[in-house]
Amino acid sequence: VKMGILAEGDLIRLKRVIEKAGLPTEMPNLKVDKVIQAMRHDKKVLNDKVRFVLLKSIGDVFITDEVSPSLIEEVLAGADEET
């Protein structure tokens, strides 16, 4: 949603499905720098770039490494503020 790709309505719909399945929809309070450090060691890293699998819409995904470090930090830092 923050990148302007996934519609807000799709995000709300997905969150409801996850909640109905009894799964968490909020991230635990983690240190942003530790999460970013762990991401750099993930199997999806290619040529020193973290690749992400992102949703365009429900059922339509794409892979990209075009996510800015500042956006990653913003999303992780703000995750505990979401309701």
Protein backbone atom coordinates (compact mmCIF):
# COMPACT_ATOMS: atom_id res chain seq x y z
CA VAL A 1 0.00 0.00 0.00
CA LYS A 2 2.81 2.42 0.88
CA MET A 3 4.40 1.83 -2.53
CA GLY A 4 1.13 2.54 -4.32
CA ILE A 5 0.84 -0.99 -5.70
CA LEU A 6 -1.61 -2.89 -3.46
CA ALA A 7 -5.04 -1.32 -2.94
CA GLU A 8 -6.04 -0.48 0.64
CA GLY A 9 -9.21 -2.57 0.21
CA ASP A 10 -7.17 -5.66 -0.66
CA LEU A 11 -5.01 -5.13 2.42
CA ILE A 12 -8.08 -4.89 4.65
CA ARG A 13 -9.57 -8.02 3.07
CA LEU A 14 -6.34 -10.00 3.54
CA LYS A 15 -6.03 -8.86 7.15
CA ARG A 16 -9.58 -10.07 7.89
CA VAL A 17 -8.86 -13.49 6.36
CA ILE A 18 -5.68 -13.82 8.42
CA GLU A 19 -7.52 -12.80 11.60
CA LYS A 20 -10.32 -15.33 10.92
CA ALA A 21 -7.65 -18.03 10.60
CA GLY A 22 -6.47 -17.09 14.10
CA LEU A 23 -3.09 -15.88 12.89
CA PRO A 24 -1.36 -12.68 14.02
CA THR A 25 -1.69 -9.57 11.88
CA GLU A 26 0.69 -7.42 13.90
CA MET A 27 4.46 -7.72 14.11
CA PRO A 28 6.06 -8.21 17.49
CA ASN A 29 8.10 -5.32 18.84
CA LEU A 30 11.47 -6.00 17.20
CA LYS A 31 14.57 -3.87 16.75
CA VAL A 32 14.51 -2.53 13.20
CA ASP A 33 18.28 -2.81 12.74
CA LYS A 34 18.23 -6.48 13.81
CA VAL A 35 15.45 -7.29 11.32
CA ILE A 36 17.29 -5.54 8.49
CA GLN A 37 20.51 -7.35 9.39
CA ALA A 38 18.67 -10.70 9.31
CA MET A 39 17.09 -9.81 5.95
CA ARG A 40 20.56 -9.37 4.45
CA HIS A 41 21.28 -13.05 5.21
CA ASP A 42 18.02 -14.34 3.74
CA LYS A 43 18.05 -16.80 0.83
CA LYS A 44 16.27 -14.21 -1.34
CA VAL A 45 19.33 -11.92 -1.35
CA LEU A 46 20.87 -11.74 -4.82
CA ASN A 47 23.88 -9.57 -5.72
CA ASP A 48 23.74 -7.99 -2.25
CA LYS A 49 20.14 -6.84 -2.80
CA VAL A 50 17.20 -8.09 -0.75
CA ARG A 51 14.43 -9.35 -3.03
CA PHE A 52 10.82 -9.07 -1.92
CA VAL A 53 7.74 -10.97 -3.02
CA LEU A 54 5.03 -8.28 -3.06
CA LEU A 55 1.34 -8.26 -3.89
CA LYS A 56 -0.10 -6.29 -6.79
CA SER A 57 -3.53 -7.59 -5.87
CA ILE A 58 -4.96 -10.70 -4.24
CA GLY A 59 -3.45 -13.65 -6.11
CA ASP A 60 -1.07 -11.50 -8.19
CA VAL A 61 2.51 -11.22 -6.89
CA PHE A 62 5.81 -10.01 -8.25
CA ILE A 63 9.45 -10.15 -7.15
CA THR A 64 11.49 -6.96 -6.83
CA ASP A 65 14.62 -5.58 -5.24
CA GLU A 66 13.42 -2.02 -5.84
CA VAL A 67 12.44 -1.29 -2.24
CA SER A 68 14.36 1.56 -0.66
CA PRO A 69 16.08 1.01 2.68
CA SER A 70 14.22 4.03 4.07
CA LEU A 71 10.85 2.47 3.17
CA ILE A 72 11.86 -0.82 4.80
CA GLU A 73 12.82 1.06 7.97
CA GLU A 74 9.62 3.13 7.89
CA VAL A 75 7.40 0.07 7.53
CA LEU A 76 9.21 -1.91 10.23
CA ALA A 77 9.30 1.03 12.64
CA GLY A 78 5.62 1.78 12.06
CA ALA A 79 4.43 -1.82 12.21
CA ASP A 80 3.65 -1.62 15.92
CA GLU A 81 1.60 1.55 15.36
CA GLU A 82 -0.84 -0.13 12.92
CA THR A 83 -4.27 -1.08 14.20
